[in-house]
Amino acid sequence: MIRRAPCPKISTNASPNVSQITSWKNFARTAALLLGIPLLSACDPIFSIDGAFFPAWLLCMVGGGFMLGAIRWAVYRMGLEPFVGPKVFVYFCVYLTCTLGLWLGFFHR
């Protein structure tokens, strides 16, 4: 049998309770994060391609996809594809490696 504690009575005095203080802390934390977003938006390199601005990470993802296609074609042509383990996992890791390699190769600081 589960015993429940009695519900606390809601006080009507003007002093703030713990839930009000916690909600103000959450509000202050959220407001600080939202105010900091415009300051961090200039940290990401952005490229203009035909007037449309693309973030660098998106271009690296597209390049990683092309690199994955070339690597998969090479593995297939060499006859090594039957020896590849779980294909979804292996090719996802190859894609991730290509994408992050492009990012590190072009945008290391």
PDB file of N, CA and C in Angstrom:
ATOM      1  N   MET A   1       0.841  -1.173   0.000  1.00  0.00           N
ATOM      2  CA  MET A   1       0.000   0.000   0.000  1.00  0.00           C
ATOM      3  C   MET A   1       0.890   1.241   0.000  1.00  0.00           C
ATOM      4  N   ILE A   2       0.583   2.173  -0.882  1.00  0.00           N
ATOM      5  CA  ILE A   2       1.361   3.395  -1.006  1.00  0.00           C
ATOM      6  C   ILE A   2       0.665   4.499  -0.231  1.00  0.00           C
ATOM      7  N   ARG A   3       1.422   5.132   0.651  1.00  0.00           N
ATOM      8  CA  ARG A   3       0.870   6.256   1.412  1.00  0.00           C
ATOM      9  C   ARG A   3       1.350   7.549   0.788  1.00  0.00           C
ATOM     10  N   ARG A   4       0.456   8.442   0.613  1.00  0.00           N
ATOM     11  CA  ARG A   4       0.796   9.734   0.042  1.00  0.00           C
ATOM     12  C   ARG A   4       0.836  10.782   1.137  1.00  0.00           C
ATOM     13  N   ALA A   5       1.773  11.700   0.956  1.00  0.00           N
ATOM     14  CA  ALA A   5       1.865  12.803   1.907  1.00  0.00           C
ATOM     15  C   ALA A   5       0.710  13.761   1.654  1.00  0.00           C
ATOM     16  N   PRO A   6       0.241  14.419   2.698  1.00  0.00           N
ATOM     17  CA  PRO A   6      -0.846  15.375   2.490  1.00  0.00           C
ATOM     18  C   PRO A   6      -0.369  16.553   1.654  1.00  0.00           C
ATOM     19  N   CYS A   7      -1.257  17.102   0.874  1.00  0.00           N
ATOM     20  CA  CYS A   7      -0.931  18.247   0.026  1.00  0.00           C
ATOM     21  C   CYS A   7      -0.666  19.463   0.901  1.00  0.00           C
ATOM     22  N   PRO A   8       0.381  20.232   0.588  1.00  0.00           N
ATOM     23  CA  PRO A   8       0.648  21.432   1.384  1.00  0.00           C
ATOM     24  C   PRO A   8      -0.418  22.491   1.119  1.00  0.00           C
ATOM     25  N   LYS A   9      -0.677  23.261   2.149  1.00  0.00           N
ATOM     26  CA  LYS A   9      -1.661  24.327   2.007  1.00  0.00           C
ATOM     27  C   LYS A   9      -1.018  25.512   1.301  1.00  0.00           C
ATOM     28  N   ILE A  10      -1.763  26.155   0.450  1.00  0.00           N
ATOM     29  CA  ILE A  10      -1.271  27.310  -0.281  1.00  0.00           C
ATOM     30  C   ILE A  10      -1.418  28.528   0.611  1.00  0.00           C
ATOM     31  N   SER A  11      -0.290  29.207   0.817  1.00  0.00           N
ATOM     32  CA  SER A  11      -0.330  30.388   1.675  1.00  0.00           C
ATOM     33  C   SER A  11      -0.734  31.597   0.845  1.00  0.00           C
ATOM     34  N   THR A  12      -1.347  32.530   1.490  1.00  0.00           N
ATOM     35  CA  THR A  12      -1.802  33.744   0.799  1.00  0.00           C
ATOM     36  C   THR A  12      -0.993  34.959   1.212  1.00  0.00           C
ATOM     37  N   ASN A  13       0.116  34.755   1.941  1.00  0.00           N
ATOM     38  CA  ASN A  13       0.909  35.911   2.353  1.00  0.00           C
ATOM     39  C   ASN A  13       1.734  36.430   1.175  1.00  0.00           C
ATOM     40  N   ALA A  14       2.340  37.580   1.313  1.00  0.00           N
ATOM     41  CA  ALA A  14       3.034  38.243   0.216  1.00  0.00           C
ATOM     42  C   ALA A  14       4.464  37.751   0.029  1.00  0.00           C
ATOM     43  N   SER A  15       5.002  36.978   0.955  1.00  0.00           N
ATOM     44  CA  SER A  15       6.390  36.525   0.803  1.00  0.00           C
ATOM     45  C   SER A  15       6.463  35.465  -0.303  1.00  0.00           C
ATOM     46  N   PRO A  16       7.525  35.506  -1.113  1.00  0.00           N
ATOM     47  CA  PRO A  16       7.623  34.548  -2.219  1.00  0.00           C
ATOM     48  C   PRO A  16       7.932  33.153  -1.704  1.00  0.00           C
ATOM     49  N   ASN A  17       7.332  32.164  -2.328  1.00  0.00           N
ATOM     50  CA  ASN A  17       7.630  30.793  -1.945  1.00  0.00           C
ATOM     51  C   ASN A  17       8.700  30.231  -2.878  1.00  0.00           C
ATOM     52  N   VAL A  18       9.087  29.002  -2.657  1.00  0.00           N
ATOM     53  CA  VAL A  18      10.185  28.402  -3.402  1.00  0.00           C
ATOM     54  C   VAL A  18       9.854  28.300  -4.888  1.00  0.00           C
ATOM     55  N   SER A  19       8.627  27.965  -5.240  1.00  0.00           N
ATOM     56  CA  SER A  19       8.283  27.818  -6.654  1.00  0.00           C
ATOM     57  C   SER A  19       8.355  29.154  -7.383  1.00  0.00           C
ATOM     58  N   GLN A  20       8.028  30.255  -6.706  1.00  0.00           N
ATOM     59  CA  GLN A  20       8.123  31.563  -7.349  1.00  0.00           C
ATOM     60  C   GLN A  20       9.587  31.945  -7.579  1.00  0.00           C
ATOM     61  N   ILE A  21      10.438  31.653  -6.611  1.00  0.00           N
ATOM     62  CA  ILE A  21      11.860  31.964  -6.756  1.00  0.00           C
ATOM     63  C   ILE A  21      12.462  31.127  -7.885  1.00  0.00           C
ATOM     64  N   THR A  22      12.102  29.844  -7.942  1.00  0.00           N
ATOM     65  CA  THR A  22      12.600  28.969  -8.993  1.00  0.00           C
ATOM     66  C   THR A  22      12.134  29.440 -10.356  1.00  0.00           C
ATOM     67  N   SER A  23      10.882  29.876 -10.450  1.00  0.00           N
ATOM     68  CA  SER A  23      10.394  30.330 -11.747  1.00  0.00           C
ATOM     69  C   SER A  23      11.121  31.601 -12.184  1.00  0.00           C
ATOM     70  N   TRP A  24      11.470  32.485 -11.238  1.00  0.00           N
ATOM     71  CA  TRP A  24      12.228  33.684 -11.597  1.00  0.00           C
ATOM     72  C   TRP A  24      13.641  33.328 -12.033  1.00  0.00           C
ATOM     73  N   LYS A  25      14.249  32.326 -11.396  1.00  0.00           N
ATOM     74  CA  LYS A  25      15.580  31.885 -11.812  1.00  0.00           C
ATOM     75  C   LYS A  25      15.533  31.298 -13.221  1.00  0.00           C
ATOM     76  N   ASN A  26      14.506  30.500 -13.498  1.00  0.00           N
ATOM     77  CA  ASN A  26      14.357  29.941 -14.838  1.00  0.00           C
ATOM     78  C   ASN A  26      14.136  31.041 -15.864  1.00  0.00           C
ATOM     79  N   PHE A  27      13.332  32.035 -15.502  1.00  0.00           N
ATOM     80  CA  PHE A  27      13.080  33.151 -16.409  1.00  0.00           C
ATOM     81  C   PHE A  27      14.365  33.924 -16.682  1.00  0.00           C
ATOM     82  N   ALA A  28      15.141  34.186 -15.642  1.00  0.00           N
ATOM     83  CA  ALA A  28      16.387  34.933 -15.808  1.00  0.00           C
ATOM     84  C   ALA A  28      17.380  34.144 -16.664  1.00  0.00           C
ATOM     85  N   ARG A  29      17.466  32.842 -16.443  1.00  0.00           N
ATOM     86  CA  ARG A  29      18.370  32.005 -17.230  1.00  0.00           C
ATOM     87  C   ARG A  29      17.946  31.983 -18.699  1.00  0.00           C
ATOM     88  N   THR A  30      16.658  31.826 -18.949  1.00  0.00           N
ATOM     89  CA  THR A  30      16.155  31.810 -20.322  1.00  0.00           C
ATOM     90  C   THR A  30      16.366  33.150 -20.997  1.00  0.00           C
ATOM     91  N   ALA A  31      16.117  34.233 -20.275  1.00  0.00           N
ATOM     92  CA  ALA A  31      16.310  35.568 -20.850  1.00  0.00           C
ATOM     93  C   ALA A  31      17.781  35.803 -21.187  1.00  0.00           C
ATOM     94  N   ALA A  32      18.686  35.357 -20.326  1.00  0.00           N
ATOM     95  CA  ALA A  32      20.116  35.532 -20.596  1.00  0.00           C
ATOM     96  C   ALA A  32      20.541  34.737 -21.829  1.00  0.00           C
ATOM     97  N   LEU A  33      20.022  33.518 -21.975  1.00  0.00           N
ATOM     98  CA  LEU A  33      20.352  32.724 -23.156  1.00  0.00           C
ATOM     99  C   LEU A  33      19.806  33.358 -24.427  1.00  0.00           C
ATOM    100  N   LEU A  34      18.578  33.853 -24.364  1.00  0.00           N
ATOM    101  CA  LEU A  34      17.978  34.470 -25.549  1.00  0.00           C
ATOM    102  C   LEU A  34      18.680  35.765 -25.928  1.00  0.00           C
ATOM    103  N   LEU A  35      19.159  36.506 -24.953  1.00  0.00           N
ATOM    104  CA  LEU A  35      19.877  37.736 -25.256  1.00  0.00           C
ATOM    105  C   LEU A  35      21.276  37.449 -25.807  1.00  0.00           C
ATOM    106  N   GLY A  36      21.827  36.287 -25.487  1.00  0.00           N
ATOM    107  CA  GLY A  36      23.157  35.940 -25.973  1.00  0.00           C
ATOM    108  C   GLY A  36      23.172  35.366 -27.377  1.00  0.00           C
ATOM    109  N   ILE A  37      22.033  34.936 -27.886  1.00  0.00           N
ATOM    110  CA  ILE A  37      21.982  34.333 -29.218  1.00  0.00           C
ATOM    111  C   ILE A  37      22.443  35.291 -30.309  1.00  0.00           C
ATOM    112  N   PRO A  38      21.983  36.538 -30.349  1.00  0.00           N
ATOM    113  CA  PRO A  38      22.475  37.427 -31.415  1.00  0.00           C
ATOM    114  C   PRO A  38      23.984  37.663 -31.353  1.00  0.00           C
ATOM    115  N   LEU A  39      24.560  37.603 -30.170  1.00  0.00           N
ATOM    116  CA  LEU A  39      26.002  37.796 -30.055  1.00  0.00           C
ATOM    117  C   LEU A  39      26.777  36.609 -30.618  1.00  0.00           C
ATOM    118  N   LEU A  40      26.208  35.414 -30.534  1.00  0.00           N
ATOM    119  CA  LEU A  40      26.884  34.220 -31.024  1.00  0.00           C
ATOM    120  C   LEU A  40      26.626  33.954 -32.499  1.00  0.00           C
ATOM    121  N   SER A  41      25.684  34.648 -33.097  1.00  0.00           N
ATOM    122  CA  SER A  41      25.347  34.365 -34.491  1.00  0.00           C
ATOM    123  C   SER A  41      26.462  34.749 -35.447  1.00  0.00           C
ATOM    124  N   ALA A  42      27.360  35.615 -35.047  1.00  0.00           N
ATOM    125  CA  ALA A  42      28.457  36.019 -35.925  1.00  0.00           C
ATOM    126  C   ALA A  42      29.618  35.033 -35.881  1.00  0.00           C
ATOM    127  N   CYS A  43      29.554  34.009 -35.051  1.00  0.00           N
ATOM    128  CA  CYS A  43      30.666  33.072 -34.919  1.00  0.00           C
ATOM    129  C   CYS A  43      30.695  32.024 -36.026  1.00  0.00           C
ATOM    130  N   ASP A  44      29.593  31.786 -36.702  1.00  0.00           N
ATOM    131  CA  ASP A  44      29.524  30.750 -37.715  1.00  0.00           C
ATOM    132  C   ASP A  44      29.865  31.326 -39.079  1.00  0.00           C
ATOM    133  N   PRO A  45      30.829  30.718 -39.803  1.00  0.00           N
ATOM    134  CA  PRO A  45      31.118  31.234 -41.145  1.00  0.00           C
ATOM    135  C   PRO A  45      29.953  30.959 -42.089  1.00  0.00           C
ATOM    136  N   ILE A  46      29.571  31.967 -42.864  1.00  0.00           N
ATOM    137  CA  ILE A  46      28.442  31.872 -43.785  1.00  0.00           C
ATOM    138  C   ILE A  46      28.925  32.273 -45.170  1.00  0.00           C
ATOM    139  N   PHE A  47      28.470  31.548 -46.182  1.00  0.00           N
ATOM    140  CA  PHE A  47      28.863  31.811 -47.558  1.00  0.00           C
ATOM    141  C   PHE A  47      27.664  32.258 -48.368  1.00  0.00           C
ATOM    142  N   SER A  48      27.898  33.187 -49.279  1.00  0.00           N
ATOM    143  CA  SER A  48      26.859  33.650 -50.185  1.00  0.00           C
ATOM    144  C   SER A  48      26.996  32.898 -51.502  1.00  0.00           C
ATOM    145  N   ILE A  49      25.974  32.123 -51.849  1.00  0.00           N
ATOM    146  CA  ILE A  49      25.953  31.384 -53.108  1.00  0.00           C
ATOM    147  C   ILE A  49      24.738  31.866 -53.886  1.00  0.00           C
ATOM    148  N   ASP A  50      24.973  32.620 -54.946  1.00  0.00           N
ATOM    149  CA  ASP A  50      23.913  33.216 -55.767  1.00  0.00           C
ATOM    150  C   ASP A  50      22.951  34.045 -54.929  1.00  0.00           C
ATOM    151  N   GLY A  51      23.457  34.754 -53.971  1.00  0.00           N
ATOM    152  CA  GLY A  51      22.641  35.644 -53.153  1.00  0.00           C
ATOM    153  C   GLY A  51      21.995  34.980 -51.956  1.00  0.00           C
ATOM    154  N   ALA A  52      22.056  33.655 -51.854  1.00  0.00           N
ATOM    155  CA  ALA A  52      21.494  32.951 -50.703  1.00  0.00           C
ATOM    156  C   ALA A  52      22.646  32.615 -49.752  1.00  0.00           C
ATOM    157  N   PHE A  53      22.419  32.840 -48.484  1.00  0.00           N
ATOM    158  CA  PHE A  53      23.469  32.610 -47.495  1.00  0.00           C
ATOM    159  C   PHE A  53      23.330  31.208 -46.912  1.00  0.00           C
ATOM    160  N   PHE A  54      24.418  30.454 -46.960  1.00  0.00           N
ATOM    161  CA  PHE A  54      24.440  29.097 -46.439  1.00  0.00           C
ATOM    162  C   PHE A  54      25.485  29.006 -45.342  1.00  0.00           C
ATOM    163  N   PRO A  55      25.150  28.364 -44.220  1.00  0.00           N
ATOM    164  CA  PRO A  55      26.171  28.166 -43.187  1.00  0.00           C
ATOM    165  C   PRO A  55      27.196  27.137 -43.657  1.00  0.00           C
ATOM    166  N   ALA A  56      28.393  27.261 -43.149  1.00  0.00           N
ATOM    167  CA  ALA A  56      29.493  26.400 -43.584  1.00  0.00           C
ATOM    168  C   ALA A  56      29.229  24.936 -43.255  1.00  0.00           C
ATOM    169  N   TRP A  57      28.578  24.663 -42.133  1.00  0.00           N
ATOM    170  CA  TRP A  57      28.346  23.271 -41.765  1.00  0.00           C
ATOM    171  C   TRP A  57      27.417  22.590 -42.760  1.00  0.00           C
ATOM    172  N   LEU A  58      26.487  23.351 -43.362  1.00  0.00           N
ATOM    173  CA  LEU A  58      25.586  22.765 -44.346  1.00  0.00           C
ATOM    174  C   LEU A  58      26.352  22.386 -45.611  1.00  0.00           C
ATOM    175  N   LEU A  59      27.269  23.243 -46.024  1.00  0.00           N
ATOM    176  CA  LEU A  59      28.088  22.921 -47.190  1.00  0.00           C
ATOM    177  C   LEU A  59      28.984  21.718 -46.915  1.00  0.00           C
ATOM    178  N   CYS A  60      29.487  21.595 -45.692  1.00  0.00           N
ATOM    179  CA  CYS A  60      30.306  20.432 -45.336  1.00  0.00           C
ATOM    180  C   CYS A  60      29.471  19.151 -45.345  1.00  0.00           C
ATOM    181  N   MET A  61      28.208  19.240 -44.943  1.00  0.00           N
ATOM    182  CA  MET A  61      27.340  18.062 -44.978  1.00  0.00           C
ATOM    183  C   MET A  61      27.088  17.611 -46.412  1.00  0.00           C
ATOM    184  N   VAL A  62      26.860  18.554 -47.309  1.00  0.00           N
ATOM    185  CA  VAL A  62      26.642  18.206 -48.718  1.00  0.00           C
ATOM    186  C   VAL A  62      27.917  17.603 -49.306  1.00  0.00           C
ATOM    187  N   GLY A  63      29.056  18.220 -49.016  1.00  0.00           N
ATOM    188  CA  GLY A  63      30.329  17.673 -49.491  1.00  0.00           C
ATOM    189  C   GLY A  63      30.604  16.291 -48.927  1.00  0.00           C
ATOM    190  N   GLY A  64      30.240  16.071 -47.665  1.00  0.00           N
ATOM    191  CA  GLY A  64      30.404  14.751 -47.061  1.00  0.00           C
ATOM    192  C   GLY A  64      29.539  13.705 -47.741  1.00  0.00           C
ATOM    193  N   GLY A  65      28.345  14.118 -48.181  1.00  0.00           N
ATOM    194  CA  GLY A  65      27.475  13.197 -48.918  1.00  0.00           C
ATOM    195  C   GLY A  65      28.083  12.793 -50.255  1.00  0.00           C
ATOM    196  N   PHE A  66      28.669  13.763 -50.958  1.00  0.00           N
ATOM    197  CA  PHE A  66      29.329  13.442 -52.227  1.00  0.00           C
ATOM    198  C   PHE A  66      30.543  12.543 -52.002  1.00  0.00           C
ATOM    199  N   MET A  67      31.291  12.817 -50.956  1.00  0.00           N
ATOM    200  CA  MET A  67      32.453  11.977 -50.655  1.00  0.00           C
ATOM    201  C   MET A  67      32.021  10.558 -50.294  1.00  0.00           C
ATOM    202  N   LEU A  68      30.922  10.430 -49.540  1.00  0.00           N
ATOM    203  CA  LEU A  68      30.410   9.110 -49.198  1.00  0.00           C
ATOM    204  C   LEU A  68      30.012   8.353 -50.455  1.00  0.00           C
ATOM    205  N   GLY A  69      29.361   9.046 -51.395  1.00  0.00           N
ATOM    206  CA  GLY A  69      28.990   8.385 -52.648  1.00  0.00           C
ATOM    207  C   GLY A  69      30.203   7.874 -53.405  1.00  0.00           C
ATOM    208  N   ALA A  70      31.262   8.669 -53.452  1.00  0.00           N
ATOM    209  CA  ALA A  70      32.480   8.250 -54.150  1.00  0.00           C
ATOM    210  C   ALA A  70      33.146   7.071 -53.439  1.00  0.00           C
ATOM    211  N   ILE A  71      33.171   7.106 -52.112  1.00  0.00           N
ATOM    212  CA  ILE A  71      33.794   6.012 -51.350  1.00  0.00           C
ATOM    213  C   ILE A  71      32.979   4.735 -51.491  1.00  0.00           C
ATOM    214  N   ARG A  72      31.651   4.848 -51.440  1.00  0.00           N
ATOM    215  CA  ARG A  72      30.811   3.663 -51.587  1.00  0.00           C
ATOM    216  C   ARG A  72      30.975   3.054 -52.974  1.00  0.00           C
ATOM    217  N   TRP A  73      31.055   3.898 -54.001  1.00  0.00           N
ATOM    218  CA  TRP A  73      31.257   3.402 -55.364  1.00  0.00           C
ATOM    219  C   TRP A  73      32.597   2.677 -55.467  1.00  0.00           C
ATOM    220  N   ALA A  74      33.648   3.236 -54.854  1.00  0.00           N
ATOM    221  CA  ALA A  74      34.971   2.608 -54.894  1.00  0.00           C
ATOM    222  C   ALA A  74      34.963   1.268 -54.160  1.00  0.00           C
ATOM    223  N   VAL A  75      34.287   1.200 -53.021  1.00  0.00           N
ATOM    224  CA  VAL A  75      34.206  -0.058 -52.262  1.00  0.00           C
ATOM    225  C   VAL A  75      33.445  -1.105 -53.070  1.00  0.00           C
ATOM    226  N   TYR A  76      32.384  -0.694 -53.734  1.00  0.00           N
ATOM    227  CA  TYR A  76      31.601  -1.616 -54.559  1.00  0.00           C
ATOM    228  C   TYR A  76      32.422  -2.116 -55.752  1.00  0.00           C
ATOM    229  N   ARG A  77      33.140  -1.211 -56.414  1.00  0.00           N
ATOM    230  CA  ARG A  77      33.931  -1.578 -57.594  1.00  0.00           C
ATOM    231  C   ARG A  77      35.092  -2.508 -57.232  1.00  0.00           C
ATOM    232  N   MET A  78      35.635  -2.364 -56.035  1.00  0.00           N
ATOM    233  CA  MET A  78      36.735  -3.238 -55.612  1.00  0.00           C
ATOM    234  C   MET A  78      36.236  -4.578 -55.091  1.00  0.00           C
ATOM    235  N   GLY A  79      34.922  -4.732 -54.957  1.00  0.00           N
ATOM    236  CA  GLY A  79      34.360  -5.992 -54.490  1.00  0.00           C
ATOM    237  C   GLY A  79      34.453  -6.186 -52.990  1.00  0.00           C
ATOM    238  N   LEU A  80      34.605  -5.104 -52.256  1.00  0.00           N
ATOM    239  CA  LEU A  80      34.747  -5.201 -50.800  1.00  0.00           C
ATOM    240  C   LEU A  80      33.425  -5.043 -50.055  1.00  0.00           C
ATOM    241  N   GLU A  81      32.350  -4.722 -50.765  1.00  0.00           N
ATOM    242  CA  GLU A  81      31.095  -4.445 -50.073  1.00  0.00           C
ATOM    243  C   GLU A  81      30.534  -5.649 -49.303  1.00  0.00           C
ATOM    244  N   PRO A  82      30.706  -6.898 -49.780  1.00  0.00           N
ATOM    245  CA  PRO A  82      30.220  -8.023 -48.965  1.00  0.00           C
ATOM    246  C   PRO A  82      30.929  -8.148 -47.614  1.00  0.00           C
ATOM    247  N   PHE A  83      32.109  -7.553 -47.500  1.00  0.00           N
ATOM    248  CA  PHE A  83      32.873  -7.657 -46.259  1.00  0.00           C
ATOM    249  C   PHE A  83      32.617  -6.498 -45.305  1.00  0.00           C
ATOM    250  N   VAL A  84      31.815  -5.551 -45.740  1.00  0.00           N
ATOM    251  CA  VAL A  84      31.470  -4.416 -44.878  1.00  0.00           C
ATOM    252  C   VAL A  84      30.479  -4.918 -43.842  1.00  0.00           C
ATOM    253  N   GLY A  85      30.680  -4.532 -42.581  1.00  0.00           N
ATOM    254  CA  GLY A  85      29.810  -4.974 -41.492  1.00  0.00           C
ATOM    255  C   GLY A  85      28.382  -4.480 -41.662  1.00  0.00           C
ATOM    256  N   PRO A  86      27.754  -4.029 -40.619  1.00  0.00           N
ATOM    257  CA  PRO A  86      26.404  -3.467 -40.757  1.00  0.00           C
ATOM    258  C   PRO A  86      26.474  -2.203 -41.618  1.00  0.00           C
ATOM    259  N   LYS A  87      25.962  -2.300 -42.834  1.00  0.00           N
ATOM    260  CA  LYS A  87      26.174  -1.251 -43.835  1.00  0.00           C
ATOM    261  C   LYS A  87      25.661   0.111 -43.395  1.00  0.00           C
ATOM    262  N   VAL A  88      24.509   0.149 -42.764  1.00  0.00           N
ATOM    263  CA  VAL A  88      23.949   1.443 -42.346  1.00  0.00           C
ATOM    264  C   VAL A  88      24.885   2.120 -41.354  1.00  0.00           C
ATOM    265  N   PHE A  89      25.361   1.369 -40.390  1.00  0.00           N
ATOM    266  CA  PHE A  89      26.253   1.931 -39.378  1.00  0.00           C
ATOM    267  C   PHE A  89      27.595   2.341 -39.981  1.00  0.00           C
ATOM    268  N   VAL A  90      28.171   1.480 -40.805  1.00  0.00           N
ATOM    269  CA  VAL A  90      29.488   1.763 -41.389  1.00  0.00           C
ATOM    270  C   VAL A  90      29.418   2.973 -42.303  1.00  0.00           C
ATOM    271  N   TYR A  91      28.416   3.026 -43.173  1.00  0.00           N
ATOM    272  CA  TYR A  91      28.335   4.150 -44.106  1.00  0.00           C
ATOM    273  C   TYR A  91      27.969   5.451 -43.397  1.00  0.00           C
ATOM    274  N   PHE A  92      27.191   5.362 -42.326  1.00  0.00           N
ATOM    275  CA  PHE A  92      26.919   6.571 -41.543  1.00  0.00           C
ATOM    276  C   PHE A  92      28.206   7.090 -40.904  1.00  0.00           C
ATOM    277  N   CYS A  93      29.025   6.186 -40.390  1.00  0.00           N
ATOM    278  CA  CYS A  93      30.299   6.609 -39.791  1.00  0.00           C
ATOM    279  C   CYS A  93      31.244   7.180 -40.841  1.00  0.00           C
ATOM    280  N   VAL A  94      31.236   6.612 -42.041  1.00  0.00           N
ATOM    281  CA  VAL A  94      32.066   7.160 -43.121  1.00  0.00           C
ATOM    282  C   VAL A  94      31.573   8.557 -43.482  1.00  0.00           C
ATOM    283  N   TYR A  95      30.253   8.731 -43.577  1.00  0.00           N
ATOM    284  CA  TYR A  95      29.677  10.046 -43.879  1.00  0.00           C
ATOM    285  C   TYR A  95      30.059  11.064 -42.808  1.00  0.00           C
ATOM    286  N   LEU A  96      29.938  10.660 -41.554  1.00  0.00           N
ATOM    287  CA  LEU A  96      30.276  11.555 -40.455  1.00  0.00           C
ATOM    288  C   LEU A  96      31.759  11.919 -40.479  1.00  0.00           C
ATOM    289  N   THR A  97      32.605  10.946 -40.766  1.00  0.00           N
ATOM    290  CA  THR A  97      34.040  11.213 -40.854  1.00  0.00           C
ATOM    291  C   THR A  97      34.356  12.175 -41.994  1.00  0.00           C
ATOM    292  N   CYS A  98      33.718  11.975 -43.141  1.00  0.00           N
ATOM    293  CA  CYS A  98      33.945  12.874 -44.282  1.00  0.00           C
ATOM    294  C   CYS A  98      33.467  14.284 -43.964  1.00  0.00           C
ATOM    295  N   THR A  99      32.286  14.402 -43.365  1.00  0.00           N
ATOM    296  CA  THR A  99      31.735  15.721 -43.048  1.00  0.00           C
ATOM    297  C   THR A  99      32.616  16.455 -42.046  1.00  0.00           C
ATOM    298  N   LEU A 100      32.983  15.785 -40.974  1.00  0.00           N
ATOM    299  CA  LEU A 100      33.819  16.431 -39.965  1.00  0.00           C
ATOM    300  C   LEU A 100      35.231  16.685 -40.482  1.00  0.00           C
ATOM    301  N   GLY A 101      35.721  15.815 -41.362  1.00  0.00           N
ATOM    302  CA  GLY A 101      37.025  16.049 -41.969  1.00  0.00           C
ATOM    303  C   GLY A 101      37.028  17.289 -42.847  1.00  0.00           C
ATOM    304  N   LEU A 102      35.947  17.484 -43.611  1.00  0.00           N
ATOM    305  CA  LEU A 102      35.832  18.709 -44.407  1.00  0.00           C
ATOM    306  C   LEU A 102      35.781  19.933 -43.507  1.00  0.00           C
ATOM    307  N   TRP A 103      35.016  19.825 -42.431  1.00  0.00           N
ATOM    308  CA  TRP A 103      34.891  20.957 -41.511  1.00  0.00           C
ATOM    309  C   TRP A 103      36.256  21.311 -40.919  1.00  0.00           C
ATOM    310  N   LEU A 104      36.976  20.296 -40.460  1.00  0.00           N
ATOM    311  CA  LEU A 104      38.294  20.553 -39.871  1.00  0.00           C
ATOM    312  C   LEU A 104      39.304  21.002 -40.923  1.00  0.00           C
ATOM    313  N   GLY A 105      39.187  20.476 -42.126  1.00  0.00           N
ATOM    314  CA  GLY A 105      40.125  20.839 -43.173  1.00  0.00           C
ATOM    315  C   GLY A 105      39.991  22.276 -43.646  1.00  0.00           C
ATOM    316  N   PHE A 106      38.766  22.762 -43.708  1.00  0.00           N
ATOM    317  CA  PHE A 106      38.542  24.104 -44.245  1.00  0.00           C
ATOM    318  C   PHE A 106      38.364  25.180 -43.177  1.00  0.00           C
ATOM    319  N   PHE A 107      37.871  24.810 -41.998  1.00  0.00           N
ATOM    320  CA  PHE A 107      37.497  25.826 -41.021  1.00  0.00           C
ATOM    321  C   PHE A 107      38.212  25.689 -39.690  1.00  0.00           C
ATOM    322  N   HIS A 108      39.381  25.058 -39.658  1.00  0.00           N
ATOM    323  CA  HIS A 108      40.134  24.978 -38.400  1.00  0.00           C
ATOM    324  C   HIS A 108      40.705  26.356 -38.077  1.00  0.00           C
ATOM    325  N   ARG A 109      40.729  26.661 -36.813  1.00  0.00           N
ATOM    326  CA  ARG A 109      41.251  27.973 -36.381  1.00  0.00           C
ATOM    327  C   ARG A 109      42.222  27.770 -35.257  1.00  0.00           C
TER     328      ARG A 109
END
